[in-house]
Amino acid sequence: MVSLQSYIVLSMIVFTIGIFGFLTRRNIIIMLLSVELMLNGVNISLVAFSHYMQDMRGQIMVFFIIAVAAAEAAIGLALIIALFRNKPTVNIDEINIMKG
């Protein structure tokens, strides 16, 4: 059986990869995927603690987080498509539409 510490280490690794991807990449799509990785890292730890404590509240919370993440991804991709139609790039450094 896999221990709780193994799940927490996995969660920490996934979350760290998400932070690293968000801070180092300049591609909007990669940044959105990195945010999803960070959310999944938190989900892993919630499920692990929920299973360890024999309580369903953590697993129920994960379903809500997944629903919010799906809505965030849909809205984010819609915004990226709208930006890409005006300026054919997804590089964050080249997009300066909102500057006044």
PDB file of N, CA and C in Angstrom:
ATOM      1  N   MET A   1       0.836  -1.180   0.000  1.00  0.00           N
ATOM      2  CA  MET A   1       0.000   0.000   0.000  1.00  0.00           C
ATOM      3  C   MET A   1       0.877   1.237   0.000  1.00  0.00           C
ATOM      4  N   VAL A   2       0.451   2.242  -0.735  1.00  0.00           N
ATOM      5  CA  VAL A   2       1.212   3.471  -0.869  1.00  0.00           C
ATOM      6  C   VAL A   2       0.928   4.366   0.334  1.00  0.00           C
ATOM      7  N   SER A   3       1.987   4.949   0.895  1.00  0.00           N
ATOM      8  CA  SER A   3       1.820   5.758   2.096  1.00  0.00           C
ATOM      9  C   SER A   3       1.326   7.163   1.757  1.00  0.00           C
ATOM     10  N   LEU A   4       0.868   7.847   2.787  1.00  0.00           N
ATOM     11  CA  LEU A   4       0.390   9.224   2.632  1.00  0.00           C
ATOM     12  C   LEU A   4       1.520  10.146   2.188  1.00  0.00           C
ATOM     13  N   GLN A   5       2.721   9.893   2.701  1.00  0.00           N
ATOM     14  CA  GLN A   5       3.857  10.741   2.346  1.00  0.00           C
ATOM     15  C   GLN A   5       4.180  10.663   0.855  1.00  0.00           C
ATOM     16  N   SER A   6       3.990   9.505   0.262  1.00  0.00           N
ATOM     17  CA  SER A   6       4.248   9.361  -1.172  1.00  0.00           C
ATOM     18  C   SER A   6       3.285  10.221  -1.985  1.00  0.00           C
ATOM     19  N   TYR A   7       2.020  10.240  -1.572  1.00  0.00           N
ATOM     20  CA  TYR A   7       1.046  11.070  -2.271  1.00  0.00           C
ATOM     21  C   TYR A   7       1.346  12.554  -2.087  1.00  0.00           C
ATOM     22  N   ILE A   8       1.772  12.932  -0.906  1.00  0.00           N
ATOM     23  CA  ILE A   8       2.098  14.338  -0.659  1.00  0.00           C
ATOM     24  C   ILE A   8       3.323  14.753  -1.461  1.00  0.00           C
ATOM     25  N   VAL A   9       4.308  13.877  -1.555  1.00  0.00           N
ATOM     26  CA  VAL A   9       5.492  14.182  -2.378  1.00  0.00           C
ATOM     27  C   VAL A   9       5.094  14.302  -3.847  1.00  0.00           C
ATOM     28  N   LEU A  10       4.239  13.396  -4.326  1.00  0.00           N
ATOM     29  CA  LEU A  10       3.756  13.484  -5.707  1.00  0.00           C
ATOM     30  C   LEU A  10       2.998  14.788  -5.927  1.00  0.00           C
ATOM     31  N   SER A  11       2.161  15.154  -4.979  1.00  0.00           N
ATOM     32  CA  SER A  11       1.413  16.405  -5.066  1.00  0.00           C
ATOM     33  C   SER A  11       2.349  17.599  -5.120  1.00  0.00           C
ATOM     34  N   MET A  12       3.379  17.577  -4.289  1.00  0.00           N
ATOM     35  CA  MET A  12       4.344  18.669  -4.264  1.00  0.00           C
ATOM     36  C   MET A  12       5.119  18.756  -5.583  1.00  0.00           C
ATOM     37  N   ILE A  13       5.467  17.625  -6.155  1.00  0.00           N
ATOM     38  CA  ILE A  13       6.196  17.615  -7.425  1.00  0.00           C
ATOM     39  C   ILE A  13       5.329  18.171  -8.548  1.00  0.00           C
ATOM     40  N   VAL A  14       4.072  17.738  -8.614  1.00  0.00           N
ATOM     41  CA  VAL A  14       3.163  18.223  -9.655  1.00  0.00           C
ATOM     42  C   VAL A  14       2.925  19.723  -9.509  1.00  0.00           C
ATOM     43  N   PHE A  15       2.722  20.182  -8.267  1.00  0.00           N
ATOM     44  CA  PHE A  15       2.507  21.605  -8.025  1.00  0.00           C
ATOM     45  C   PHE A  15       3.747  22.414  -8.387  1.00  0.00           C
ATOM     46  N   THR A  16       4.930  21.902  -8.058  1.00  0.00           N
ATOM     47  CA  THR A  16       6.184  22.600  -8.378  1.00  0.00           C
ATOM     48  C   THR A  16       6.405  22.674  -9.886  1.00  0.00           C
ATOM     49  N   ILE A  17       6.084  21.622 -10.597  1.00  0.00           N
ATOM     50  CA  ILE A  17       6.192  21.651 -12.060  1.00  0.00           C
ATOM     51  C   ILE A  17       5.249  22.702 -12.623  1.00  0.00           C
ATOM     52  N   GLY A  18       4.052  22.806 -12.058  1.00  0.00           N
ATOM     53  CA  GLY A  18       3.098  23.830 -12.494  1.00  0.00           C
ATOM     54  C   GLY A  18       3.619  25.238 -12.247  1.00  0.00           C
ATOM     55  N   ILE A  19       4.186  25.479 -11.072  1.00  0.00           N
ATOM     56  CA  ILE A  19       4.744  26.813 -10.773  1.00  0.00           C
ATOM     57  C   ILE A  19       5.899  27.124 -11.704  1.00  0.00           C
ATOM     58  N   PHE A  20       6.786  26.145 -11.900  1.00  0.00           N
ATOM     59  CA  PHE A  20       7.932  26.352 -12.780  1.00  0.00           C
ATOM     60  C   PHE A  20       7.485  26.649 -14.209  1.00  0.00           C
ATOM     61  N   GLY A  21       6.486  25.907 -14.697  1.00  0.00           N
ATOM     62  CA  GLY A  21       5.971  26.137 -16.047  1.00  0.00           C
ATOM     63  C   GLY A  21       5.316  27.496 -16.186  1.00  0.00           C
ATOM     64  N   PHE A  22       4.596  27.929 -15.152  1.00  0.00           N
ATOM     65  CA  PHE A  22       3.919  29.227 -15.217  1.00  0.00           C
ATOM     66  C   PHE A  22       4.919  30.379 -15.189  1.00  0.00           C
ATOM     67  N   LEU A  23       5.963  30.246 -14.397  1.00  0.00           N
ATOM     68  CA  LEU A  23       6.911  31.353 -14.247  1.00  0.00           C
ATOM     69  C   LEU A  23       7.932  31.433 -15.369  1.00  0.00           C
ATOM     70  N   THR A  24       8.240  30.327 -16.026  1.00  0.00           N
ATOM     71  CA  THR A  24       9.301  30.350 -17.031  1.00  0.00           C
ATOM     72  C   THR A  24       8.800  30.450 -18.465  1.00  0.00           C
ATOM     73  N   ARG A  25       7.607  29.997 -18.746  1.00  0.00           N
ATOM     74  CA  ARG A  25       7.109  30.003 -20.122  1.00  0.00           C
ATOM     75  C   ARG A  25       6.386  31.303 -20.430  1.00  0.00           C
ATOM     76  N   ARG A  26       6.455  31.732 -21.664  1.00  0.00           N
ATOM     77  CA  ARG A  26       5.779  32.942 -22.105  1.00  0.00           C
ATOM     78  C   ARG A  26       4.618  32.643 -23.031  1.00  0.00           C
ATOM     79  N   ASN A  27       4.299  31.390 -23.231  1.00  0.00           N
ATOM     80  CA  ASN A  27       3.184  30.975 -24.074  1.00  0.00           C
ATOM     81  C   ASN A  27       1.928  30.915 -23.209  1.00  0.00           C
ATOM     82  N   ILE A  28       0.849  31.559 -23.647  1.00  0.00           N
ATOM     83  CA  ILE A  28      -0.362  31.637 -22.842  1.00  0.00           C
ATOM     84  C   ILE A  28      -0.974  30.255 -22.620  1.00  0.00           C
ATOM     85  N   ILE A  29      -0.942  29.416 -23.625  1.00  0.00           N
ATOM     86  CA  ILE A  29      -1.534  28.089 -23.499  1.00  0.00           C
ATOM     87  C   ILE A  29      -0.764  27.245 -22.491  1.00  0.00           C
ATOM     88  N   ILE A  30       0.557  27.324 -22.536  1.00  0.00           N
ATOM     89  CA  ILE A  30       1.382  26.592 -21.569  1.00  0.00           C
ATOM     90  C   ILE A  30       1.144  27.125 -20.160  1.00  0.00           C
ATOM     91  N   MET A  31       0.951  28.433 -20.037  1.00  0.00           N
ATOM     92  CA  MET A  31       0.674  29.010 -18.718  1.00  0.00           C
ATOM     93  C   MET A  31      -0.671  28.508 -18.183  1.00  0.00           C
ATOM     94  N   LEU A  32      -1.666  28.388 -19.056  1.00  0.00           N
ATOM     95  CA  LEU A  32      -2.972  27.868 -18.648  1.00  0.00           C
ATOM     96  C   LEU A  32      -2.861  26.403 -18.219  1.00  0.00           C
ATOM     97  N   LEU A  33      -2.071  25.627 -18.957  1.00  0.00           N
ATOM     98  CA  LEU A  33      -1.859  24.227 -18.579  1.00  0.00           C
ATOM     99  C   LEU A  33      -1.101  24.121 -17.260  1.00  0.00           C
ATOM    100  N   SER A  34      -0.212  25.054 -16.996  1.00  0.00           N
ATOM    101  CA  SER A  34       0.530  25.044 -15.733  1.00  0.00           C
ATOM    102  C   SER A  34      -0.390  25.343 -14.555  1.00  0.00           C
ATOM    103  N   VAL A  35      -1.351  26.229 -14.749  1.00  0.00           N
ATOM    104  CA  VAL A  35      -2.331  26.487 -13.689  1.00  0.00           C
ATOM    105  C   VAL A  35      -3.149  25.226 -13.429  1.00  0.00           C
ATOM    106  N   GLU A  36      -3.490  24.504 -14.474  1.00  0.00           N
ATOM    107  CA  GLU A  36      -4.226  23.252 -14.301  1.00  0.00           C
ATOM    108  C   GLU A  36      -3.383  22.223 -13.545  1.00  0.00           C
ATOM    109  N   LEU A  37      -2.078  22.194 -13.812  1.00  0.00           N
ATOM    110  CA  LEU A  37      -1.199  21.297 -13.072  1.00  0.00           C
ATOM    111  C   LEU A  37      -1.164  21.649 -11.591  1.00  0.00           C
ATOM    112  N   MET A  38      -1.135  22.937 -11.290  1.00  0.00           N
ATOM    113  CA  MET A  38      -1.137  23.352  -9.886  1.00  0.00           C
ATOM    114  C   MET A  38      -2.439  22.933  -9.199  1.00  0.00           C
ATOM    115  N   LEU A  39      -3.555  23.089  -9.887  1.00  0.00           N
ATOM    116  CA  LEU A  39      -4.836  22.663  -9.312  1.00  0.00           C
ATOM    117  C   LEU A  39      -4.867  21.148  -9.095  1.00  0.00           C
ATOM    118  N   ASN A  40      -4.290  20.400 -10.025  1.00  0.00           N
ATOM    119  CA  ASN A  40      -4.269  18.943  -9.870  1.00  0.00           C
ATOM    120  C   ASN A  40      -3.340  18.510  -8.744  1.00  0.00           C
ATOM    121  N   GLY A  41      -2.268  19.258  -8.507  1.00  0.00           N
ATOM    122  CA  GLY A  41      -1.417  18.965  -7.358  1.00  0.00           C
ATOM    123  C   GLY A  41      -2.168  19.119  -6.052  1.00  0.00           C
ATOM    124  N   VAL A  42      -2.959  20.174  -5.958  1.00  0.00           N
ATOM    125  CA  VAL A  42      -3.784  20.376  -4.767  1.00  0.00           C
ATOM    126  C   VAL A  42      -4.836  19.270  -4.662  1.00  0.00           C
ATOM    127  N   ASN A  43      -5.409  18.873  -5.779  1.00  0.00           N
ATOM    128  CA  ASN A  43      -6.413  17.801  -5.761  1.00  0.00           C
ATOM    129  C   ASN A  43      -5.827  16.486  -5.252  1.00  0.00           C
ATOM    130  N   ILE A  44      -4.600  16.179  -5.644  1.00  0.00           N
ATOM    131  CA  ILE A  44      -3.968  14.943  -5.182  1.00  0.00           C
ATOM    132  C   ILE A  44      -3.814  14.956  -3.669  1.00  0.00           C
ATOM    133  N   SER A  45      -3.379  16.088  -3.140  1.00  0.00           N
ATOM    134  CA  SER A  45      -3.204  16.149  -1.684  1.00  0.00           C
ATOM    135  C   SER A  45      -4.555  16.093  -0.958  1.00  0.00           C
ATOM    136  N   LEU A  46      -5.579  16.734  -1.514  1.00  0.00           N
ATOM    137  CA  LEU A  46      -6.898  16.664  -0.883  1.00  0.00           C
ATOM    138  C   LEU A  46      -7.442  15.240  -0.842  1.00  0.00           C
ATOM    139  N   VAL A  47      -7.298  14.519  -1.929  1.00  0.00           N
ATOM    140  CA  VAL A  47      -7.777  13.133  -1.971  1.00  0.00           C
ATOM    141  C   VAL A  47      -6.952  12.257  -1.029  1.00  0.00           C
ATOM    142  N   ALA A  48      -5.643  12.488  -0.972  1.00  0.00           N
ATOM    143  CA  ALA A  48      -4.796  11.686  -0.088  1.00  0.00           C
ATOM    144  C   ALA A  48      -5.170  11.907   1.376  1.00  0.00           C
ATOM    145  N   PHE A  49      -5.335  13.167   1.783  1.00  0.00           N
ATOM    146  CA  PHE A  49      -5.716  13.430   3.169  1.00  0.00           C
ATOM    147  C   PHE A  49      -7.130  12.929   3.458  1.00  0.00           C
ATOM    148  N   SER A  50      -8.006  13.033   2.489  1.00  0.00           N
ATOM    149  CA  SER A  50      -9.376  12.551   2.672  1.00  0.00           C
ATOM    150  C   SER A  50      -9.388  11.042   2.886  1.00  0.00           C
ATOM    151  N   HIS A  51      -8.595  10.337   2.111  1.00  0.00           N
ATOM    152  CA  HIS A  51      -8.521   8.883   2.270  1.00  0.00           C
ATOM    153  C   HIS A  51      -7.858   8.517   3.595  1.00  0.00           C
ATOM    154  N   TYR A  52      -6.834   9.256   3.972  1.00  0.00           N
ATOM    155  CA  TYR A  52      -6.119   8.974   5.220  1.00  0.00           C
ATOM    156  C   TYR A  52      -7.004   9.187   6.443  1.00  0.00           C
ATOM    157  N   MET A  53      -7.836  10.210   6.405  1.00  0.00           N
ATOM    158  CA  MET A  53      -8.699  10.527   7.547  1.00  0.00           C
ATOM    159  C   MET A  53     -10.063   9.833   7.479  1.00  0.00           C
ATOM    160  N   GLN A  54     -10.284   9.050   6.430  1.00  0.00           N
ATOM    161  CA  GLN A  54     -11.545   8.341   6.229  1.00  0.00           C
ATOM    162  C   GLN A  54     -12.740   9.306   6.228  1.00  0.00           C
ATOM    163  N   ASP A  55     -12.582  10.405   5.498  1.00  0.00           N
ATOM    164  CA  ASP A  55     -13.618  11.435   5.415  1.00  0.00           C
ATOM    165  C   ASP A  55     -13.815  11.773   3.942  1.00  0.00           C
ATOM    166  N   MET A  56     -15.050  11.951   3.526  1.00  0.00           N
ATOM    167  CA  MET A  56     -15.350  12.191   2.117  1.00  0.00           C
ATOM    168  C   MET A  56     -15.315  13.668   1.725  1.00  0.00           C
ATOM    169  N   ARG A  57     -15.154  14.559   2.688  1.00  0.00           N
ATOM    170  CA  ARG A  57     -15.224  15.981   2.376  1.00  0.00           C
ATOM    171  C   ARG A  57     -14.133  16.434   1.410  1.00  0.00           C
ATOM    172  N   GLY A  58     -12.945  15.896   1.526  1.00  0.00           N
ATOM    173  CA  GLY A  58     -11.864  16.262   0.612  1.00  0.00           C
ATOM    174  C   GLY A  58     -12.147  15.818  -0.808  1.00  0.00           C
ATOM    175  N   GLN A  59     -12.707  14.627  -0.953  1.00  0.00           N
ATOM    176  CA  GLN A  59     -13.010  14.129  -2.291  1.00  0.00           C
ATOM    177  C   GLN A  59     -14.170  14.891  -2.917  1.00  0.00           C
ATOM    178  N   ILE A  60     -15.125  15.316  -2.109  1.00  0.00           N
ATOM    179  CA  ILE A  60     -16.225  16.132  -2.620  1.00  0.00           C
ATOM    180  C   ILE A  60     -15.694  17.490  -3.064  1.00  0.00           C
ATOM    181  N   MET A  61     -14.756  18.039  -2.287  1.00  0.00           N
ATOM    182  CA  MET A  61     -14.146  19.322  -2.646  1.00  0.00           C
ATOM    183  C   MET A  61     -13.391  19.226  -3.972  1.00  0.00           C
ATOM    184  N   VAL A  62     -12.788  18.070  -4.228  1.00  0.00           N
ATOM    185  CA  VAL A  62     -12.063  17.872  -5.489  1.00  0.00           C
ATOM    186  C   VAL A  62     -13.017  17.958  -6.675  1.00  0.00           C
ATOM    187  N   PHE A  63     -14.224  17.436  -6.545  1.00  0.00           N
ATOM    188  CA  PHE A  63     -15.186  17.531  -7.650  1.00  0.00           C
ATOM    189  C   PHE A  63     -15.536  18.991  -7.951  1.00  0.00           C
ATOM    190  N   PHE A  64     -15.675  19.801  -6.916  1.00  0.00           N
ATOM    191  CA  PHE A  64     -15.944  21.217  -7.137  1.00  0.00           C
ATOM    192  C   PHE A  64     -14.743  21.915  -7.781  1.00  0.00           C
ATOM    193  N   ILE A  65     -13.539  21.564  -7.353  1.00  0.00           N
ATOM    194  CA  ILE A  65     -12.339  22.165  -7.940  1.00  0.00           C
ATOM    195  C   ILE A  65     -12.217  21.778  -9.403  1.00  0.00           C
ATOM    196  N   ILE A  66     -12.528  20.533  -9.737  1.00  0.00           N
ATOM    197  CA  ILE A  66     -12.465  20.094 -11.139  1.00  0.00           C
ATOM    198  C   ILE A  66     -13.491  20.847 -11.982  1.00  0.00           C
ATOM    199  N   ALA A  67     -14.678  21.072 -11.432  1.00  0.00           N
ATOM    200  CA  ALA A  67     -15.702  21.818 -12.165  1.00  0.00           C
ATOM    201  C   ALA A  67     -15.265  23.262 -12.394  1.00  0.00           C
ATOM    202  N   VAL A  68     -14.703  23.893 -11.381  1.00  0.00           N
ATOM    203  CA  VAL A  68     -14.220  25.269 -11.535  1.00  0.00           C
ATOM    204  C   VAL A  68     -13.046  25.320 -12.506  1.00  0.00           C
ATOM    205  N   ALA A  69     -12.173  24.318 -12.468  1.00  0.00           N
ATOM    206  CA  ALA A  69     -11.031  24.283 -13.386  1.00  0.00           C
ATOM    207  C   ALA A  69     -11.488  24.106 -14.832  1.00  0.00           C
ATOM    208  N   ALA A  70     -12.537  23.317 -15.042  1.00  0.00           N
ATOM    209  CA  ALA A  70     -13.059  23.145 -16.401  1.00  0.00           C
ATOM    210  C   ALA A  70     -13.649  24.451 -16.917  1.00  0.00           C
ATOM    211  N   ALA A  71     -14.377  25.154 -16.063  1.00  0.00           N
ATOM    212  CA  ALA A  71     -14.928  26.450 -16.472  1.00  0.00           C
ATOM    213  C   ALA A  71     -13.817  27.457 -16.726  1.00  0.00           C
ATOM    214  N   GLU A  72     -12.803  27.440 -15.892  1.00  0.00           N
ATOM    215  CA  GLU A  72     -11.662  28.352 -16.076  1.00  0.00           C
ATOM    216  C   GLU A  72     -10.935  28.047 -17.371  1.00  0.00           C
ATOM    217  N   ALA A  73     -10.770  26.779 -17.694  1.00  0.00           N
ATOM    218  CA  ALA A  73     -10.096  26.410 -18.933  1.00  0.00           C
ATOM    219  C   ALA A  73     -10.918  26.820 -20.150  1.00  0.00           C
ATOM    220  N   ALA A  74     -12.225  26.650 -20.091  1.00  0.00           N
ATOM    221  CA  ALA A  74     -13.080  27.030 -21.221  1.00  0.00           C
ATOM    222  C   ALA A  74     -13.050  28.542 -21.449  1.00  0.00           C
ATOM    223  N   ILE A  75     -13.156  29.315 -20.378  1.00  0.00           N
ATOM    224  CA  ILE A  75     -13.114  30.778 -20.512  1.00  0.00           C
ATOM    225  C   ILE A  75     -11.727  31.237 -20.947  1.00  0.00           C
ATOM    226  N   GLY A  76     -10.704  30.618 -20.378  1.00  0.00           N
ATOM    227  CA  GLY A  76      -9.344  30.976 -20.765  1.00  0.00           C
ATOM    228  C   GLY A  76      -9.061  30.688 -22.231  1.00  0.00           C
ATOM    229  N   LEU A  77      -9.482  29.532 -22.716  1.00  0.00           N
ATOM    230  CA  LEU A  77      -9.279  29.216 -24.133  1.00  0.00           C
ATOM    231  C   LEU A  77     -10.090  30.134 -25.038  1.00  0.00           C
ATOM    232  N   ALA A  78     -11.286  30.521 -24.610  1.00  0.00           N
ATOM    233  CA  ALA A  78     -12.074  31.469 -25.407  1.00  0.00           C
ATOM    234  C   ALA A  78     -11.361  32.815 -25.494  1.00  0.00           C
ATOM    235  N   LEU A  79     -10.790  33.266 -24.399  1.00  0.00           N
ATOM    236  CA  LEU A  79     -10.038  34.525 -24.421  1.00  0.00           C
ATOM    237  C   LEU A  79      -8.783  34.414 -25.283  1.00  0.00           C
ATOM    238  N   ILE A  80      -8.120  33.282 -25.227  1.00  0.00           N
ATOM    239  CA  ILE A  80      -6.920  33.080 -26.044  1.00  0.00           C
ATOM    240  C   ILE A  80      -7.277  33.089 -27.521  1.00  0.00           C
ATOM    241  N   ILE A  81      -8.384  32.450 -27.883  1.00  0.00           N
ATOM    242  CA  ILE A  81      -8.820  32.447 -29.289  1.00  0.00           C
ATOM    243  C   ILE A  81      -9.178  33.859 -29.741  1.00  0.00           C
ATOM    244  N   ALA A  82      -9.845  34.630 -28.883  1.00  0.00           N
ATOM    245  CA  ALA A  82     -10.190  36.012 -29.226  1.00  0.00           C
ATOM    246  C   ALA A  82      -8.930  36.863 -29.403  1.00  0.00           C
ATOM    247  N   LEU A  83      -7.942  36.673 -28.545  1.00  0.00           N
ATOM    248  CA  LEU A  83      -6.683  37.406 -28.685  1.00  0.00           C
ATOM    249  C   LEU A  83      -5.934  36.981 -29.945  1.00  0.00           C
ATOM    250  N   PHE A  84      -5.978  35.678 -30.236  1.00  0.00           N
ATOM    251  CA  PHE A  84      -5.251  35.168 -31.404  1.00  0.00           C
ATOM    252  C   PHE A  84      -5.856  35.668 -32.712  1.00  0.00           C
ATOM    253  N   ARG A  85      -7.147  35.925 -32.723  1.00  0.00           N
ATOM    254  CA  ARG A  85      -7.775  36.457 -33.940  1.00  0.00           C
ATOM    255  C   ARG A  85      -7.323  37.887 -34.216  1.00  0.00           C
ATOM    256  N   ASN A  86      -7.089  38.666 -33.156  1.00  0.00           N
ATOM    257  CA  ASN A  86      -6.640  40.044 -33.341  1.00  0.00           C
ATOM    258  C   ASN A  86      -5.140  40.149 -33.580  1.00  0.00           C
ATOM    259  N   LYS A  87      -4.385  39.355 -32.916  1.00  0.00           N
ATOM    260  CA  LYS A  87      -2.927  39.378 -33.043  1.00  0.00           C
ATOM    261  C   LYS A  87      -2.458  37.927 -33.128  1.00  0.00           C
ATOM    262  N   PRO A  88      -1.951  37.488 -34.266  1.00  0.00           N
ATOM    263  CA  PRO A  88      -1.656  36.057 -34.460  1.00  0.00           C
ATOM    264  C   PRO A  88      -0.417  35.576 -33.700  1.00  0.00           C
ATOM    265  N   THR A  89      -0.448  35.669 -32.395  1.00  0.00           N
ATOM    266  CA  THR A  89       0.612  35.131 -31.555  1.00  0.00           C
ATOM    267  C   THR A  89       0.018  34.735 -30.206  1.00  0.00           C
ATOM    268  N   VAL A  90       0.633  33.751 -29.567  1.00  0.00           N
ATOM    269  CA  VAL A  90       0.229  33.371 -28.225  1.00  0.00           C
ATOM    270  C   VAL A  90       1.355  33.639 -27.226  1.00  0.00           C
ATOM    271  N   ASN A  91       2.374  34.355 -27.672  1.00  0.00           N
ATOM    272  CA  ASN A  91       3.477  34.730 -26.804  1.00  0.00           C
ATOM    273  C   ASN A  91       3.068  35.938 -25.970  1.00  0.00           C
ATOM    274  N   ILE A  92       3.209  35.856 -24.677  1.00  0.00           N
ATOM    275  CA  ILE A  92       2.720  36.899 -23.780  1.00  0.00           C
ATOM    276  C   ILE A  92       3.499  38.200 -23.936  1.00  0.00           C
ATOM    277  N   ASP A  93       4.756  38.123 -24.324  1.00  0.00           N
ATOM    278  CA  ASP A  93       5.563  39.334 -24.481  1.00  0.00           C
ATOM    279  C   ASP A  93       5.151  40.154 -25.699  1.00  0.00           C
ATOM    280  N   GLU A  94       4.560  39.531 -26.693  1.00  0.00           N
ATOM    281  CA  GLU A  94       4.184  40.229 -27.921  1.00  0.00           C
ATOM    282  C   GLU A  94       2.746  40.756 -27.895  1.00  0.00           C
ATOM    283  N   ILE A  95       1.995  40.407 -26.873  1.00  0.00           N
ATOM    284  CA  ILE A  95       0.611  40.861 -26.781  1.00  0.00           C
ATOM    285  C   ILE A  95       0.579  42.093 -25.884  1.00  0.00           C
ATOM    286  N   ASN A  96       0.252  43.235 -26.476  1.00  0.00           N
ATOM    287  CA  ASN A  96       0.186  44.481 -25.708  1.00  0.00           C
ATOM    288  C   ASN A  96      -1.113  45.214 -26.041  1.00  0.00           C
ATOM    289  N   ILE A  97      -2.180  44.488 -26.275  1.00  0.00           N
ATOM    290  CA  ILE A  97      -3.451  45.072 -26.667  1.00  0.00           C
ATOM    291  C   ILE A  97      -4.041  45.912 -25.539  1.00  0.00           C
ATOM    292  N   MET A  98      -3.875  45.511 -24.291  1.00  0.00           N
ATOM    293  CA  MET A  98      -4.517  46.175 -23.174  1.00  0.00           C
ATOM    294  C   MET A  98      -3.753  47.399 -22.682  1.00  0.00           C
ATOM    295  N   LYS A  99      -2.589  47.661 -23.254  1.00  0.00           N
ATOM    296  CA  LYS A  99      -1.823  48.831 -22.815  1.00  0.00           C
ATOM    297  C   LYS A  99      -2.524  50.102 -23.256  1.00  0.00           C
ATOM    298  N   GLY A 100      -2.545  51.110 -22.380  1.00  0.00           N
ATOM    299  CA  GLY A 100      -3.257  52.346 -22.671  1.00  0.00           C
ATOM    300  C   GLY A 100      -2.418  53.340 -23.275  1.00  0.00           C
TER     301      GLY A 100
END
